[in-house]
C-alpha atoms as a PDB file:
ATOM      1  CA  MET A   1     -33.169 -13.810  14.785  1.00  0.00           C
ATOM      2  CA  LYS A   2     -33.993 -15.027  11.277  1.00  0.00           C
ATOM      3  CA  SER A   3     -36.666 -17.702  11.721  1.00  0.00           C
ATOM      4  CA  SER A   4     -37.017 -20.702   9.447  1.00  0.00           C
ATOM      5  CA  THR A   5     -40.583 -19.700   8.544  1.00  0.00           C
ATOM      6  CA  GLN A   6     -41.620 -16.130   7.955  1.00  0.00           C
ATOM      7  CA  THR A   7     -44.782 -14.291   7.112  1.00  0.00           C
ATOM      8  CA  ILE A   8     -44.516 -12.711   3.692  1.00  0.00           C
ATOM      9  CA  PRO A   9     -44.018  -8.989   4.439  1.00  0.00           C
ATOM     10  CA  ALA A  10     -46.394  -6.356   3.154  1.00  0.00           C
ATOM     11  CA  GLN A  11     -45.155  -4.811  -0.050  1.00  0.00           C
ATOM     12  CA  SER A  12     -45.434  -1.248  -1.242  1.00  0.00           C
ATOM     13  CA  SER A  13     -48.202  -0.803  -3.761  1.00  0.00           C
ATOM     14  CA  PRO A  14     -46.851  -0.047  -7.236  1.00  0.00           C
ATOM     15  CA  ALA A  15     -49.586   2.567  -7.527  1.00  0.00           C
ATOM     16  CA  ALA A  16     -47.598   4.632  -5.044  1.00  0.00           C
ATOM     17  CA  TYR A  17     -44.965   4.982  -7.731  1.00  0.00           C
ATOM     18  CA  GLY A  18     -47.261   5.215 -10.718  1.00  0.00           C
ATOM     19  CA  ASP A  19     -46.439   1.533 -11.446  1.00  0.00           C
ATOM     20  CA  ARG A  20     -42.803   2.589 -11.795  1.00  0.00           C
ATOM     21  CA  PRO A  21     -40.760   2.493  -8.564  1.00  0.00           C
ATOM     22  CA  ALA A  22     -39.097   5.832  -7.899  1.00  0.00           C
ATOM     23  CA  SER A  23     -35.784   4.429  -6.662  1.00  0.00           C
ATOM     24  CA  VAL A  24     -33.659   1.288  -6.563  1.00  0.00           C
ATOM     25  CA  THR A  25     -34.768   0.739  -2.976  1.00  0.00           C
ATOM     26  CA  ALA A  26     -38.438   1.010  -3.918  1.00  0.00           C
ATOM     27  CA  PHE A  27     -37.917  -1.325  -6.873  1.00  0.00           C
ATOM     28  CA  ILE A  28     -36.305  -3.953  -4.650  1.00  0.00           C
ATOM     29  CA  GLU A  29     -39.000  -3.598  -1.992  1.00  0.00           C
ATOM     30  CA  HIS A  30     -41.756  -4.095  -4.562  1.00  0.00           C
ATOM     31  CA  HIS A  31     -40.294  -6.792  -6.829  1.00  0.00           C
ATOM     32  CA  PHE A  32     -37.896  -8.879  -4.701  1.00  0.00           C
ATOM     33  CA  ARG A  33     -40.369 -11.213  -2.952  1.00  0.00           C
ATOM     34  CA  HIS A  34     -39.153 -14.789  -3.248  1.00  0.00           C
ATOM     35  CA  PHE A  35     -36.146 -17.122  -3.586  1.00  0.00           C
ATOM     36  CA  ASN A  36     -32.721 -15.426  -3.895  1.00  0.00           C
ATOM     37  CA  ALA A  37     -34.463 -12.095  -4.394  1.00  0.00           C
ATOM     38  CA  ARG A  38     -36.207 -12.340  -1.020  1.00  0.00           C
ATOM     39  CA  GLU A  39     -32.962 -13.460   0.616  1.00  0.00           C
ATOM     40  CA  LEU A  40     -31.288 -10.379  -0.842  1.00  0.00           C
ATOM     41  CA  VAL A  41     -33.809  -7.888   0.508  1.00  0.00           C
ATOM     42  CA  ASP A  42     -33.891  -9.631   3.907  1.00  0.00           C
ATOM     43  CA  ALA A  43     -30.087  -9.419   4.076  1.00  0.00           C
ATOM     44  CA  ALA A  44     -30.123  -5.746   3.140  1.00  0.00           C
ATOM     45  CA  ARG A  45     -32.776  -4.923   5.744  1.00  0.00           C
ATOM     46  CA  ALA A  46     -30.883  -6.830   8.426  1.00  0.00           C
ATOM     47  CA  TYR A  47     -27.609  -5.064   7.482  1.00  0.00           C
ATOM     48  CA  LYS A  48     -29.300  -1.695   8.017  1.00  0.00           C
ATOM     49  CA  GLU A  49     -30.872  -2.771  11.287  1.00  0.00           C
ATOM     50  CA  PHE A  50     -27.543  -4.132  12.508  1.00  0.00           C
ATOM     51  CA  LEU A  51     -25.787  -0.796  11.900  1.00  0.00           C
ATOM     52  CA  ASP A  52     -28.713   1.209  13.269  1.00  0.00           C
ATOM     53  CA  ALA A  53     -28.283  -0.696  16.529  1.00  0.00           C
ATOM     54  CA  GLY A  54     -24.759   0.742  16.827  1.00  0.00           C
ATOM     55  CA  ASN A  55     -22.812  -2.188  15.401  1.00  0.00           C
ATOM     56  CA  LYS A  56     -20.157  -2.265  12.672  1.00  0.00           C
ATOM     57  CA  MET A  57     -19.458  -4.326   9.555  1.00  0.00           C
ATOM     58  CA  LEU A  58     -16.484  -6.028   7.939  1.00  0.00           C
ATOM     59  CA  VAL A  59     -16.752  -6.751   4.205  1.00  0.00           C
ATOM     60  CA  SER A  60     -14.712  -9.549   2.645  1.00  0.00           C
ATOM     61  CA  LEU A  61     -13.973  -9.325  -1.054  1.00  0.00           C
ATOM     62  CA  ALA A  62     -13.030 -12.278  -3.269  1.00  0.00           C
ATOM     63  CA  GLY A  63     -13.327 -12.866  -6.980  1.00  0.00           C
ATOM     64  CA  ALA A  64     -12.468 -10.184  -9.525  1.00  0.00           C
ATOM     65  CA  MET A  65     -14.763  -7.594  -7.961  1.00  0.00           C
ATOM     66  CA  SER A  66     -12.359  -4.676  -8.407  1.00  0.00           C
ATOM     67  CA  THR A  67     -11.974  -5.420 -12.097  1.00  0.00           C
ATOM     68  CA  GLY A  68     -15.773  -5.739 -12.177  1.00  0.00           C
ATOM     69  CA  GLU A  69     -15.845  -2.133 -10.849  1.00  0.00           C
ATOM     70  CA  LEU A  70     -17.705  -2.931  -7.642  1.00  0.00           C
ATOM     71  CA  GLY A  71     -15.841   0.080  -6.295  1.00  0.00           C
ATOM     72  CA  ILE A  72     -18.539   2.354  -7.728  1.00  0.00           C
ATOM     73  CA  SER A  73     -20.988   1.206  -5.039  1.00  0.00           C
ATOM     74  CA  LEU A  74     -18.564  -0.120  -2.398  1.00  0.00           C
ATOM     75  CA  ALA A  75     -16.719   3.214  -2.227  1.00  0.00           C
ATOM     76  CA  ALA A  76     -20.019   4.954  -1.550  1.00  0.00           C
ATOM     77  CA  MET A  77     -20.744   2.489   1.255  1.00  0.00           C
ATOM     78  CA  ILE A  78     -17.347   3.135   2.805  1.00  0.00           C
ATOM     79  CA  ARG A  79     -17.663   6.910   2.608  1.00  0.00           C
ATOM     80  CA  ALA A  80     -21.149   6.717   4.122  1.00  0.00           C
ATOM     81  CA  GLY A  81     -19.778   4.873   7.149  1.00  0.00           C
ATOM     82  CA  LYS A  82     -21.511   1.581   6.299  1.00  0.00           C
ATOM     83  CA  VAL A  83     -18.261  -0.446   6.135  1.00  0.00           C
ATOM     84  CA  HIS A  84     -15.621  -0.419   8.870  1.00  0.00           C
ATOM     85  CA  ALA A  85     -12.985  -2.917   7.672  1.00  0.00           C
ATOM     86  CA  ILE A  86     -12.135  -4.898   4.548  1.00  0.00           C
ATOM     87  CA  SER A  87     -10.646  -8.347   4.098  1.00  0.00           C
ATOM     88  CA  CYS A  88      -9.744  -8.928   0.464  1.00  0.00           C
ATOM     89  CA  THR A  89      -7.593 -10.932  -1.864  1.00  0.00           C
ATOM     90  CA  ALA A  90      -4.407  -9.222  -2.979  1.00  0.00           C
ATOM     91  CA  ALA A  91      -5.769  -9.278  -6.528  1.00  0.00           C
ATOM     92  CA  ASN A  92      -8.696  -7.093  -5.478  1.00  0.00           C
ATOM     93  CA  LEU A  93      -6.311  -4.755  -3.668  1.00  0.00           C
ATOM     94  CA  GLU A  94      -4.158  -4.170  -6.761  1.00  0.00           C
ATOM     95  CA  GLU A  95      -6.888  -4.322  -9.391  1.00  0.00           C
ATOM     96  CA  ASP A  96      -8.731  -1.380  -7.862  1.00  0.00           C
ATOM     97  CA  ILE A  97      -5.581   0.665  -8.525  1.00  0.00           C
ATOM     98  CA  PHE A  98      -5.106  -0.804 -12.006  1.00  0.00           C
ATOM     99  CA  ASN A  99      -8.649   0.226 -12.919  1.00  0.00           C
ATOM    100  CA  LEU A 100      -8.184   3.670 -11.374  1.00  0.00           C
ATOM    101  CA  VAL A 101      -5.193   4.576 -13.535  1.00  0.00           C
ATOM    102  CA  ALA A 102      -5.730   2.551 -16.742  1.00  0.00           C
ATOM    103  CA  HIS A 103      -9.474   2.067 -17.178  1.00  0.00           C
ATOM    104  CA  ASP A 104      -9.523   3.541 -20.677  1.00  0.00           C
ATOM    105  CA  GLU A 105      -6.861   1.112 -21.893  1.00  0.00           C
ATOM    106  CA  TYR A 106      -8.817  -1.973 -20.810  1.00  0.00           C
ATOM    107  CA  ARG A 107     -10.450  -4.077 -23.518  1.00  0.00           C
ATOM    108  CA  VAL A 108     -13.915  -5.564 -23.069  1.00  0.00           C
ATOM    109  CA  ILE A 109     -14.753  -8.765 -24.953  1.00  0.00           C
ATOM    110  CA  GLN A 110     -18.476  -8.939 -25.703  1.00  0.00           C
ATOM    111  CA  ASP A 111     -18.646 -12.622 -26.729  1.00  0.00           C
ATOM    112  CA  TRP A 112     -15.921 -13.911 -24.432  1.00  0.00           C
ATOM    113  CA  ARG A 113     -17.355 -17.426 -24.181  1.00  0.00           C
ATOM    114  CA  ALA A 114     -16.674 -17.907 -27.889  1.00  0.00           C
ATOM    115  CA  LEU A 115     -12.966 -17.070 -27.714  1.00  0.00           C
ATOM    116  CA  SER A 116     -10.757 -19.720 -29.276  1.00  0.00           C
ATOM    117  CA  VAL A 117      -7.302 -20.741 -28.100  1.00  0.00           C
ATOM    118  CA  ASP A 118      -5.882 -18.679 -30.967  1.00  0.00           C
ATOM    119  CA  ASP A 119      -7.911 -15.656 -29.804  1.00  0.00           C
ATOM    120  CA  GLU A 120      -6.421 -16.055 -26.342  1.00  0.00           C
ATOM    121  CA  VAL A 121      -2.905 -16.220 -27.769  1.00  0.00           C
ATOM    122  CA  ARG A 122      -3.535 -13.024 -29.744  1.00  0.00           C
ATOM    123  CA  LEU A 123      -4.725 -11.254 -26.599  1.00  0.00           C
ATOM    124  CA  ARG A 124      -1.660 -12.454 -24.724  1.00  0.00           C
ATOM    125  CA  ASP A 125       0.699 -11.343 -27.470  1.00  0.00           C
ATOM    126  CA  ALA A 126      -1.032  -7.946 -27.598  1.00  0.00           C
ATOM    127  CA  GLY A 127      -0.237  -7.481 -23.904  1.00  0.00           C
ATOM    128  CA  PHE A 128      -3.601  -8.240 -22.274  1.00  0.00           C
ATOM    129  CA  ASN A 129      -4.487 -10.416 -19.283  1.00  0.00           C
ATOM    130  CA  ARG A 130      -8.119 -11.581 -19.491  1.00  0.00           C
ATOM    131  CA  VAL A 131     -10.548 -11.740 -16.556  1.00  0.00           C
ATOM    132  CA  THR A 132     -13.788 -13.127 -18.019  1.00  0.00           C
ATOM    133  CA  ASP A 133     -14.953 -10.299 -20.332  1.00  0.00           C
ATOM    134  CA  THR A 134     -12.359  -7.735 -19.253  1.00  0.00           C
ATOM    135  CA  CYS A 135      -8.725  -7.607 -20.380  1.00  0.00           C
ATOM    136  CA  ILE A 136      -6.195  -5.813 -18.168  1.00  0.00           C
ATOM    137  CA  PRO A 137      -3.318  -4.249 -20.119  1.00  0.00           C
ATOM    138  CA  GLU A 138       0.159  -5.371 -19.106  1.00  0.00           C
ATOM    139  CA  THR A 139       1.285  -1.743 -19.363  1.00  0.00           C
ATOM    140  CA  VAL A 140      -0.562  -0.788 -16.165  1.00  0.00           C
ATOM    141  CA  VAL A 141       1.142  -3.631 -14.293  1.00  0.00           C
ATOM    142  CA  ARG A 142       4.578  -2.303 -15.248  1.00  0.00           C
ATOM    143  CA  HIS A 143       3.519   1.269 -14.462  1.00  0.00           C
ATOM    144  CA  ILE A 144       2.505   0.316 -10.928  1.00  0.00           C
ATOM    145  CA  GLU A 145       5.511  -1.997 -10.515  1.00  0.00           C
ATOM    146  CA  HIS A 146       7.838   0.949 -11.180  1.00  0.00           C
ATOM    147  CA  ARG A 147       6.196   2.890  -8.338  1.00  0.00           C
ATOM    148  CA  MET A 148       5.879  -0.070  -5.964  1.00  0.00           C
ATOM    149  CA  VAL A 149       9.554  -1.056  -6.156  1.00  0.00           C
ATOM    150  CA  LYS A 150      10.495   2.251  -4.514  1.00  0.00           C
ATOM    151  CA  ILE A 151       7.814   1.797  -1.858  1.00  0.00           C
ATOM    152  CA  TRP A 152       8.926  -1.785  -1.141  1.00  0.00           C
ATOM    153  CA  GLN A 153      12.537  -0.647  -0.865  1.00  0.00           C
ATOM    154  CA  ARG A 154      11.619   1.994   1.708  1.00  0.00           C
ATOM    155  CA  ALA A 155       9.514  -0.545   3.611  1.00  0.00           C
ATOM    156  CA  ALA A 156      12.448  -2.959   3.731  1.00  0.00           C
ATOM    157  CA  GLU A 157      14.553  -0.257   5.357  1.00  0.00           C
ATOM    158  CA  SER A 158      11.856   0.643   7.905  1.00  0.00           C
ATOM    159  CA  GLY A 159      11.010  -2.884   9.072  1.00  0.00           C
ATOM    160  CA  GLY A 160       8.040  -3.642   6.825  1.00  0.00           C
ATOM    161  CA  LYS A 161       4.449  -2.579   6.292  1.00  0.00           C
ATOM    162  CA  PHE A 162       1.077  -4.218   5.792  1.00  0.00           C
ATOM    163  CA  PRO A 163      -0.020  -4.637   2.146  1.00  0.00           C
ATOM    164  CA  TYR A 164      -2.761  -2.019   2.446  1.00  0.00           C
ATOM    165  CA  GLU A 165      -0.341   0.481   4.022  1.00  0.00           C
ATOM    166  CA  LEU A 166       1.911   0.090   0.985  1.00  0.00           C
ATOM    167  CA  MET A 167      -1.023   0.837  -1.303  1.00  0.00           C
ATOM    168  CA  TYR A 168      -2.082   3.800   0.814  1.00  0.00           C
ATOM    169  CA  GLU A 169       1.468   5.104   0.397  1.00  0.00           C
ATOM    170  CA  LEU A 170       1.109   4.653  -3.356  1.00  0.00           C
ATOM    171  CA  LEU A 171      -2.128   6.670  -3.299  1.00  0.00           C
ATOM    172  CA  ASP A 172      -0.341   9.423  -1.351  1.00  0.00           C
ATOM    173  CA  ASP A 173       1.925  10.036  -4.355  1.00  0.00           C
ATOM    174  CA  PRO A 174       0.551  13.248  -5.936  1.00  0.00           C
ATOM    175  CA  THR A 175       1.879  12.237  -9.349  1.00  0.00           C
ATOM    176  CA  LEU A 176      -0.389   9.167  -9.387  1.00  0.00           C
ATOM    177  CA  ALA A 177      -3.530  11.316  -9.548  1.00  0.00           C
ATOM    178  CA  GLU A 178      -2.374  12.661 -12.910  1.00  0.00           C
ATOM    179  CA  HIS A 179      -3.082   9.197 -14.326  1.00  0.00           C
ATOM    180  CA  PHE A 180      -6.597   8.696 -12.931  1.00  0.00           C
ATOM    181  CA  GLN A 181      -8.964   7.585 -15.682  1.00  0.00           C
ATOM    182  CA  VAL A 182     -12.100   7.090 -13.577  1.00  0.00           C
ATOM    183  CA  PRO A 183     -13.564   9.431 -10.952  1.00  0.00           C
ATOM    184  CA  PRO A 184     -11.816   9.001  -7.576  1.00  0.00           C
ATOM    185  CA  SER A 185     -15.278   8.291  -6.148  1.00  0.00           C
ATOM    186  CA  HIS A 186     -15.199   4.938  -7.996  1.00  0.00           C
ATOM    187  CA  SER A 187     -12.167   3.614  -6.105  1.00  0.00           C
ATOM    188  CA  TRP A 188     -13.045   1.615  -2.987  1.00  0.00           C
ATOM    189  CA  LEU A 189      -9.402   1.585  -1.893  1.00  0.00           C
ATOM    190  CA  LEU A 190      -9.156   5.363  -2.114  1.00  0.00           C
ATOM    191  CA  ALA A 191     -12.358   5.582  -0.055  1.00  0.00           C
ATOM    192  CA  ALA A 192     -10.903   3.169   2.510  1.00  0.00           C
ATOM    193  CA  LYS A 193      -7.795   5.334   2.766  1.00  0.00           C
ATOM    194  CA  GLU A 194      -9.863   8.488   3.230  1.00  0.00           C
ATOM    195  CA  MET A 195     -11.852   6.805   6.014  1.00  0.00           C
ATOM    196  CA  ASN A 196      -8.689   5.241   7.533  1.00  0.00           C
ATOM    197  CA  LEU A 197     -10.060   1.698   7.299  1.00  0.00           C
ATOM    198  CA  PRO A 198      -7.828  -1.314   7.959  1.00  0.00           C
ATOM    199  CA  VAL A 199      -7.633  -3.664   4.973  1.00  0.00           C
ATOM    200  CA  PHE A 200      -6.551  -7.229   5.692  1.00  0.00           C
ATOM    201  CA  VAL A 201      -4.936  -8.991   2.719  1.00  0.00           C
ATOM    202  CA  PRO A 202      -4.215 -12.696   3.277  1.00  0.00           C
ATOM    203  CA  GLY A 203      -2.214 -14.521   0.614  1.00  0.00           C
ATOM    204  CA  TYR A 204      -0.412 -11.448  -0.719  1.00  0.00           C
ATOM    205  CA  GLU A 205       1.819 -13.678  -2.836  1.00  0.00           C
ATOM    206  CA  ASP A 206      -1.226 -14.841  -4.832  1.00  0.00           C
ATOM    207  CA  SER A 207      -1.412 -11.686  -6.942  1.00  0.00           C
ATOM    208  CA  THR A 208       0.397  -9.946  -9.763  1.00  0.00           C
ATOM    209  CA  LEU A 209       2.199  -7.509  -7.466  1.00  0.00           C
ATOM    210  CA  GLY A 210       2.904 -10.319  -4.992  1.00  0.00           C
ATOM    211  CA  ASN A 211       4.586 -12.267  -7.783  1.00  0.00           C
ATOM    212  CA  ILE A 212       6.601  -9.197  -8.777  1.00  0.00           C
ATOM    213  CA  PHE A 213       7.598  -8.597  -5.158  1.00  0.00           C
ATOM    214  CA  ALA A 214       8.917 -12.168  -4.880  1.00  0.00           C
ATOM    215  CA  ALA A 215      10.841 -11.721  -8.130  1.00  0.00           C
ATOM    216  CA  ARG A 216      12.433  -8.477  -6.890  1.00  0.00           C
ATOM    217  CA  VAL A 217      13.476 -10.109  -3.626  1.00  0.00           C
ATOM    218  CA  PHE A 218      14.919 -13.011  -5.600  1.00  0.00           C
ATOM    219  CA  ASP A 219      16.975 -10.711  -7.864  1.00  0.00           C
ATOM    220  CA  GLY A 220      18.124  -8.556  -4.935  1.00  0.00           C
ATOM    221  CA  THR A 221      16.208  -5.380  -5.825  1.00  0.00           C
ATOM    222  CA  ILE A 222      14.291  -5.630  -2.531  1.00  0.00           C
ATOM    223  CA  LYS A 223      16.330  -6.471   0.566  1.00  0.00           C
ATOM    224  CA  GLY A 224      14.197  -9.202   2.059  1.00  0.00           C
ATOM    225  CA  HIS A 225      10.644 -10.508   2.358  1.00  0.00           C
ATOM    226  CA  HIS A 226      10.166  -8.573   5.598  1.00  0.00           C
ATOM    227  CA  ALA A 227       9.259  -5.486   3.523  1.00  0.00           C
ATOM    228  CA  VAL A 228       5.694  -6.834   3.357  1.00  0.00           C
ATOM    229  CA  LYS A 229       4.267  -8.029   6.665  1.00  0.00           C
ATOM    230  CA  SER A 230       3.130 -11.632   6.687  1.00  0.00           C
ATOM    231  CA  GLY A 231      -0.337 -13.085   6.900  1.00  0.00           C
ATOM    232  CA  THR A 232       0.198 -14.088  10.525  1.00  0.00           C
ATOM    233  CA  ALA A 233       1.229 -10.517  11.361  1.00  0.00           C
ATOM    234  CA  GLN A 234      -1.984  -9.357   9.729  1.00  0.00           C
ATOM    235  CA  MET A 235      -3.969 -11.838  11.810  1.00  0.00           C
ATOM    236  CA  GLU A 236      -2.370 -10.434  14.957  1.00  0.00           C
ATOM    237  CA  ARG A 237      -3.469  -6.968  13.829  1.00  0.00           C
ATOM    238  CA  LEU A 238      -6.978  -8.303  13.171  1.00  0.00           C
ATOM    239  CA  ILE A 239      -7.165  -9.819  16.661  1.00  0.00           C
ATOM    240  CA  GLY A 240      -6.477  -6.413  18.191  1.00  0.00           C
ATOM    241  CA  PHE A 241      -8.942  -4.707  15.847  1.00  0.00           C
ATOM    242  CA  TYR A 242     -11.712  -7.194  16.627  1.00  0.00           C
ATOM    243  CA  LYS A 243     -11.225  -6.917  20.385  1.00  0.00           C
ATOM    244  CA  GLU A 244     -11.306  -3.128  20.181  1.00  0.00           C
ATOM    245  CA  GLN A 245     -14.384  -2.968  17.971  1.00  0.00           C
ATOM    246  CA  THR A 246     -16.405  -5.465  20.008  1.00  0.00           C
ATOM    247  CA  GLU A 247     -15.835  -4.008  23.460  1.00  0.00           C
ATOM    248  CA  LYS A 248     -19.236  -2.287  23.401  1.00  0.00           C
ATOM    249  CA  ALA A 249     -20.923  -3.505  20.217  1.00  0.00           C
ATOM    250  CA  SER A 250     -20.958  -6.316  17.697  1.00  0.00           C
ATOM    251  CA  LEU A 251     -19.123  -6.772  14.400  1.00  0.00           C
ATOM    252  CA  GLY A 252     -20.881  -8.248  11.384  1.00  0.00           C
ATOM    253  CA  PHE A 253     -19.509 -10.138   8.393  1.00  0.00           C
ATOM    254  CA  PHE A 254     -20.606  -9.421   4.818  1.00  0.00           C
ATOM    255  CA  GLN A 255     -18.875 -11.886   2.521  1.00  0.00           C
ATOM    256  CA  ILE A 256     -18.613 -11.435  -1.237  1.00  0.00           C
ATOM    257  CA  GLY A 257     -17.455 -14.715  -2.758  1.00  0.00           C
ATOM    258  CA  GLY A 258     -15.554 -17.256  -0.702  1.00  0.00           C
ATOM    259  CA  GLY A 259     -12.003 -18.438  -0.321  1.00  0.00           C
ATOM    260  CA  ILE A 260      -9.191 -16.986   1.738  1.00  0.00           C
ATOM    261  CA  ALA A 261     -10.536 -13.437   2.016  1.00  0.00           C
ATOM    262  CA  GLY A 262     -13.563 -14.756   3.887  1.00  0.00           C
ATOM    263  CA  ASP A 263     -12.119 -17.592   5.930  1.00  0.00           C
ATOM    264  CA  PHE A 264      -9.051 -15.638   7.049  1.00  0.00           C
ATOM    265  CA  ALA A 265     -11.030 -12.831   8.642  1.00  0.00           C
ATOM    266  CA  ILE A 266     -13.857 -14.892  10.120  1.00  0.00           C
ATOM    267  CA  CYS A 267     -11.327 -17.106  11.955  1.00  0.00           C
ATOM    268  CA  VAL A 268     -10.369 -14.286  14.324  1.00  0.00           C
ATOM    269  CA  VAL A 269     -13.161 -15.302  16.720  1.00  0.00           C
ATOM    270  CA  PRO A 270     -12.140 -18.963  17.163  1.00  0.00           C
ATOM    271  CA  ILE A 271      -8.579 -17.699  17.697  1.00  0.00           C
ATOM    272  CA  LEU A 272      -9.789 -15.541  20.567  1.00  0.00           C
ATOM    273  CA  ILE A 273     -12.044 -18.183  22.106  1.00  0.00           C
ATOM    274  CA  GLN A 274     -10.194 -21.437  21.476  1.00  0.00           C
ATOM    275  CA  ASP A 275      -6.535 -20.455  21.138  1.00  0.00           C
ATOM    276  CA  LEU A 276      -6.286 -17.422  23.435  1.00  0.00           C
ATOM    277  CA  GLU A 277      -9.019 -18.783  25.736  1.00  0.00           C
ATOM    278  CA  GLU A 278     -10.657 -15.390  26.069  1.00  0.00           C
ATOM    279  CA  ASP A 279     -14.292 -14.386  26.241  1.00  0.00           C
ATOM    280  CA  ALA A 280     -15.255 -12.846  22.919  1.00  0.00           C
ATOM    281  CA  ARG A 281     -18.360 -11.899  21.000  1.00  0.00           C
ATOM    282  CA  LEU A 282     -19.118 -14.074  18.018  1.00  0.00           C
ATOM    283  CA  TRP A 283     -19.834 -12.402  14.687  1.00  0.00           C
ATOM    284  CA  GLY A 284     -23.279 -10.854  15.074  1.00  0.00           C
ATOM    285  CA  TYR A 285     -24.440 -10.822  11.436  1.00  0.00           C
ATOM    286  CA  PHE A 286     -23.502 -12.919   8.440  1.00  0.00           C
ATOM    287  CA  CYS A 287     -24.317 -12.694   4.759  1.00  0.00           C
ATOM    288  CA  GLN A 288     -22.567 -14.352   1.849  1.00  0.00           C
ATOM    289  CA  ILE A 289     -23.104 -13.821  -1.864  1.00  0.00           C
ATOM    290  CA  SER A 290     -21.727 -16.749  -3.811  1.00  0.00           C
ATOM    291  CA  ASP A 291     -22.589 -18.912  -6.788  1.00  0.00           C
ATOM    292  CA  ALA A 292     -20.709 -21.854  -5.268  1.00  0.00           C
ATOM    293  CA  ALA A 293     -22.906 -24.913  -4.770  1.00  0.00           C
ATOM    294  CA  THR A 294     -22.996 -26.638  -1.399  1.00  0.00           C
ATOM    295  CA  SER A 295     -20.680 -29.609  -1.788  1.00  0.00           C
ATOM    296  CA  TYR A 296     -18.613 -32.158   0.127  1.00  0.00           C
ATOM    297  CA  GLY A 297     -15.795 -30.382   1.940  1.00  0.00           C
ATOM    298  CA  GLY A 298     -16.214 -27.088   0.088  1.00  0.00           C
ATOM    299  CA  TYR A 299     -15.802 -23.823   2.010  1.00  0.00           C
ATOM    300  CA  SER A 300     -17.188 -21.271  -0.428  1.00  0.00           C
ATOM    301  CA  GLY A 301     -20.545 -23.034  -0.663  1.00  0.00           C
ATOM    302  CA  ALA A 302     -20.795 -24.093   2.982  1.00  0.00           C
ATOM    303  CA  VAL A 303     -24.068 -23.097   4.616  1.00  0.00           C
ATOM    304  CA  PRO A 304     -23.796 -20.450   7.359  1.00  0.00           C
ATOM    305  CA  ASN A 305     -24.853 -22.834  10.151  1.00  0.00           C
ATOM    306  CA  GLU A 306     -21.687 -24.870   9.589  1.00  0.00           C
ATOM    307  CA  LYS A 307     -19.742 -21.925  11.023  1.00  0.00           C
ATOM    308  CA  ILE A 308     -21.482 -22.278  14.393  1.00  0.00           C
ATOM    309  CA  THR A 309     -19.444 -25.364  15.349  1.00  0.00           C
ATOM    310  CA  TRP A 310     -16.234 -23.439  14.604  1.00  0.00           C
ATOM    311  CA  TYR A 311     -17.081 -20.640  17.069  1.00  0.00           C
ATOM    312  CA  LYS A 312     -17.464 -18.210  14.175  1.00  0.00           C
ATOM    313  CA  LEU A 313     -21.151 -17.299  14.317  1.00  0.00           C
ATOM    314  CA  ASP A 314     -23.622 -16.712  17.104  1.00  0.00           C
ATOM    315  CA  ARG A 315     -26.520 -19.174  16.865  1.00  0.00           C
ATOM    316  CA  ASP A 316     -29.000 -16.269  16.902  1.00  0.00           C
ATOM    317  CA  ALA A 317     -27.147 -14.025  14.450  1.00  0.00           C
ATOM    318  CA  PRO A 318     -29.039 -13.150  11.261  1.00  0.00           C
ATOM    319  CA  LYS A 319     -27.631 -15.460   8.568  1.00  0.00           C
ATOM    320  CA  PHE A 320     -28.144 -15.154   4.823  1.00  0.00           C
ATOM    321  CA  MET A 321     -26.829 -17.067   1.817  1.00  0.00           C
ATOM    322  CA  ILE A 322     -27.545 -15.471  -1.546  1.00  0.00           C
ATOM    323  CA  GLN A 323     -26.621 -17.943  -4.262  1.00  0.00           C
ATOM    324  CA  SER A 324     -26.218 -15.634  -7.202  1.00  0.00           C
ATOM    325  CA  ASP A 325     -23.794 -13.354  -9.046  1.00  0.00           C
ATOM    326  CA  ALA A 326     -22.119 -10.918  -6.648  1.00  0.00           C
ATOM    327  CA  SER A 327     -21.484  -8.396  -9.437  1.00  0.00           C
ATOM    328  CA  ILE A 328     -25.282  -8.048  -9.696  1.00  0.00           C
ATOM    329  CA  CYS A 329     -26.389  -8.578  -6.097  1.00  0.00           C
ATOM    330  CA  ALA A 330     -23.813  -6.602  -4.104  1.00  0.00           C
ATOM    331  CA  PRO A 331     -24.521  -3.234  -5.827  1.00  0.00           C
ATOM    332  CA  LEU A 332     -28.267  -3.782  -5.299  1.00  0.00           C
ATOM    333  CA  ILE A 333     -27.772  -4.475  -1.584  1.00  0.00           C
ATOM    334  CA  PHE A 334     -25.478  -1.470  -1.249  1.00  0.00           C
ATOM    335  CA  ALA A 335     -28.001   0.727  -3.070  1.00  0.00           C
ATOM    336  CA  TYR A 336     -30.732  -0.453  -0.683  1.00  0.00           C
ATOM    337  CA  ILE A 337     -28.602   0.277   2.395  1.00  0.00           C
ATOM    338  CA  LEU A 338     -27.675   3.703   1.043  1.00  0.00           C
ATOM    339  CA  GLY A 339     -31.321   4.497   0.243  1.00  0.00           C
ATOM    340  CA  TRP A 340     -30.702   5.076  -3.440  1.00  0.00           C
END
């Protein structure tokens, strides 16, 4: 249990590393002592201890983490057996693939805060979609659309598939690998496929490919919305997964960002307890990285204890809230867990 007051832990002497820590883990252990930094190292330690006790972890992924290339460290976590399920926005699902096959065509804007409206129009007219400092080329969207239409059509004939199964099918296409522009080890979705992880994708329609799918159903190219299984069908799948995984151990929740990717997956426990009226373990570990401020009615910035009343978290579960930039903090936590 994470107590409200803690003794400051002993730190490694920098002399042991010649005043220069020999690894990321050693650097974090020596320098991360207070405030969000201490919260980060406590969360990383607790994550390791949770897995060492025989438990498993679900990671939820919101924000533009795939475009931010979090896959470099997240893929390593997946392949090392430190992640056992993913809940992500549909944008993160597709943008990992976009980056995999078109990384070299992306454009990075160094001084993106200074862009004018006219600059934005020029980027648009040049065929780029901007995500903060990174511009995704429209060409990769059309490349993947061409492949996905065939996959959606087959799914419509077979009764439908989950969003991640459709993407796994895309990755099975041997001709796709010819277009890889980053090492396959940098793709978290490819790692998830290799490890046969379930990936839950609520709000599929809120994505570029989800928009295209709706357009192709509308124009008759795809024979019905049933080609992609709904969010409620995914929740049913998650209920079964959670029950199976928690028969003998606990499942933890590591949340990057907020929004639907987090709230969708964490709600599986109140469904079991309150709606199905079954005995169920509550989530046994919780950590969120978010820069959202705690506010009136906000979910993304809600403190972990608020989840207790919703039957989401065990009162004694380790709970951490790191209020910082996930693109910085998540790779550091993953490096610590991996012993880099």
